[in-house]
Amino acid sequence: MHNRRDHADRSWRQNVTSPTKPDVVDNPDAKRFEIRADGELAGFAEYRLRPKSIAFVHTEIDSRFEGRGLGSALVRTALDDVRERGLAVLPYCPFVRRWISTHPDYLDLVPVDKRAEFGL
């Protein structure tokens, strides 16, 4: 993964504001939530937005940033944002699916009739 800065930098909505914590932002132009740590792009969670739901399809953390809990911070912040927007979650991404399975307070985001499909 490379560090990419583009025009979206100016319009990102910051969900985490402490300088000692990573910043998680929704980058709708790229169709992904991104996490920055130490001023660099550390990872992302790609999604497909639908009218009433969001499908998470792939999550990636750069190997230089692994082991710091950034994947969890990314998913938690993305799901909190999705909850605020009133969207259902379709966790096609294995990482997002596992994260939800270990954080049952987020299970309600997955529609009841879809949980078996995702093993939840």
Protein backbone atom coordinates (compact mmCIF):
# COMPACT_ATOMS: atom_id res chain seq x y z
CA MET A 1 0.00 0.00 0.00
CA HIS A 2 1.25 3.47 -0.69
CA ASN A 3 0.60 6.73 1.05
CA ARG A 4 -1.79 8.64 -1.24
CA ARG A 5 -2.87 12.18 -0.63
CA ASP A 6 -5.53 13.66 -2.86
CA HIS A 7 -8.30 16.24 -2.91
CA ALA A 8 -10.40 14.11 -0.55
CA ASP A 9 -7.97 14.96 2.27
CA ARG A 10 -9.63 18.36 2.56
CA SER A 11 -13.16 17.00 2.90
CA TRP A 12 -12.73 14.07 5.25
CA ARG A 13 -14.86 13.97 8.36
CA GLN A 14 -12.67 13.10 11.31
CA ASN A 15 -14.14 10.68 13.84
CA VAL A 16 -11.11 10.47 16.12
CA THR A 17 -9.48 13.78 16.94
CA SER A 18 -6.74 13.11 19.48
CA PRO A 19 -3.26 13.56 17.99
CA THR A 20 -2.12 10.40 19.81
CA LYS A 21 -4.88 8.29 18.28
CA PRO A 22 -5.35 7.27 14.66
CA ASP A 23 -7.75 9.23 12.48
CA VAL A 24 -10.59 7.29 10.84
CA VAL A 25 -12.43 8.94 7.98
CA ASP A 26 -15.04 8.06 5.39
CA ASN A 27 -13.68 8.68 1.91
CA PRO A 28 -16.84 8.28 -0.22
CA ASP A 29 -15.00 9.05 -3.48
CA ALA A 30 -12.84 5.96 -2.91
CA LYS A 31 -15.77 4.02 -1.36
CA ARG A 32 -13.88 3.20 1.78
CA PHE A 33 -13.22 4.17 5.37
CA GLU A 34 -9.55 4.97 5.89
CA ILE A 35 -7.36 5.03 8.95
CA ARG A 36 -4.28 7.19 9.30
CA ALA A 37 -1.60 6.69 11.91
CA ASP A 38 1.54 8.73 12.34
CA GLY A 39 0.33 10.91 9.48
CA GLU A 40 0.24 8.04 6.98
CA LEU A 41 -2.50 5.96 5.41
CA ALA A 42 -2.38 2.78 7.52
CA GLY A 43 -5.38 0.91 6.17
CA PHE A 44 -8.90 0.93 4.81
CA ALA A 45 -12.24 -0.86 4.76
CA GLU A 46 -13.81 -0.90 1.30
CA TYR A 47 -17.58 -0.80 0.97
CA ARG A 48 -20.44 -0.79 -1.49
CA LEU A 49 -23.15 1.65 -0.46
CA ARG A 50 -26.77 0.76 -1.15
CA PRO A 51 -29.87 2.82 -0.34
CA LYS A 52 -30.54 1.14 3.03
CA SER A 53 -27.37 -0.84 3.64
CA ILE A 54 -23.62 -0.90 3.33
CA ALA A 55 -21.68 -3.98 2.26
CA PHE A 56 -18.14 -4.21 3.62
CA VAL A 57 -16.09 -6.15 1.06
CA HIS A 58 -12.42 -5.84 2.02
CA THR A 59 -10.34 -4.56 4.92
CA GLU A 60 -6.59 -4.09 4.85
CA ILE A 61 -3.99 -2.78 7.28
CA ASP A 62 -0.51 -2.04 5.97
CA SER A 63 1.99 -4.51 7.42
CA ARG A 64 4.01 -1.63 8.89
CA PHE A 65 1.06 -0.85 11.18
CA GLU A 66 -0.05 -4.36 12.16
CA GLY A 67 -0.34 -5.31 15.82
CA ARG A 68 -1.45 -1.85 16.96
CA GLY A 69 -5.20 -2.47 17.02
CA LEU A 70 -5.79 -0.28 13.99
CA GLY A 71 -8.05 -2.82 12.28
CA SER A 72 -10.34 -2.86 15.30
CA ALA A 73 -10.32 0.94 15.57
CA LEU A 74 -11.14 1.21 11.88
CA VAL A 75 -14.05 -1.23 12.00
CA ARG A 76 -15.47 0.13 15.26
CA THR A 77 -15.47 3.71 13.95
CA ALA A 78 -16.90 2.69 10.57
CA LEU A 79 -19.71 0.72 12.23
CA ASP A 80 -20.45 3.57 14.64
CA ASP A 81 -20.77 5.90 11.64
CA VAL A 82 -23.01 3.42 9.82
CA ARG A 83 -25.20 3.08 12.93
CA GLU A 84 -25.63 6.87 13.07
CA ARG A 85 -26.71 6.84 9.43
CA GLY A 86 -29.28 4.10 10.07
CA LEU A 87 -27.81 1.64 7.58
CA ALA A 88 -27.81 -2.14 7.80
CA VAL A 89 -24.44 -3.89 7.52
CA LEU A 90 -23.63 -6.75 5.15
CA PRO A 91 -20.22 -8.05 6.35
CA TYR A 92 -18.85 -9.84 3.28
CA CYS A 93 -15.33 -8.99 4.46
CA PRO A 94 -14.07 -11.79 6.75
CA PHE A 95 -12.35 -9.32 9.09
CA VAL A 96 -15.49 -7.23 9.59
CA ARG A 97 -17.55 -10.41 10.03
CA ARG A 98 -15.16 -11.79 12.70
CA TRP A 99 -15.05 -8.42 14.45
CA ILE A 100 -18.85 -8.29 14.68
CA SER A 101 -18.93 -11.88 15.95
CA THR A 102 -16.67 -10.91 18.87
CA HIS A 103 -18.51 -7.65 19.59
CA PRO A 104 -22.16 -8.70 19.97
CA ASP A 105 -23.28 -5.13 20.67
CA TYR A 106 -22.82 -4.56 16.90
CA LEU A 107 -24.74 -7.65 15.77
CA ASP A 108 -27.97 -5.64 15.53
CA LEU A 109 -26.49 -3.85 12.50
CA VAL A 110 -26.69 -7.08 10.49
CA PRO A 111 -30.29 -7.81 9.40
CA VAL A 112 -31.75 -10.80 11.22
CA ASP A 113 -32.61 -12.55 7.95
CA LYS A 114 -28.96 -12.21 6.76
CA ARG A 115 -27.13 -13.36 9.90
CA ALA A 116 -27.10 -17.07 9.00
CA GLU A 117 -25.63 -16.21 5.59
CA PHE A 118 -22.69 -14.60 7.42
CA GLY A 119 -22.46 -17.20 10.18
CA LEU A 120 -23.61 -14.72 12.82
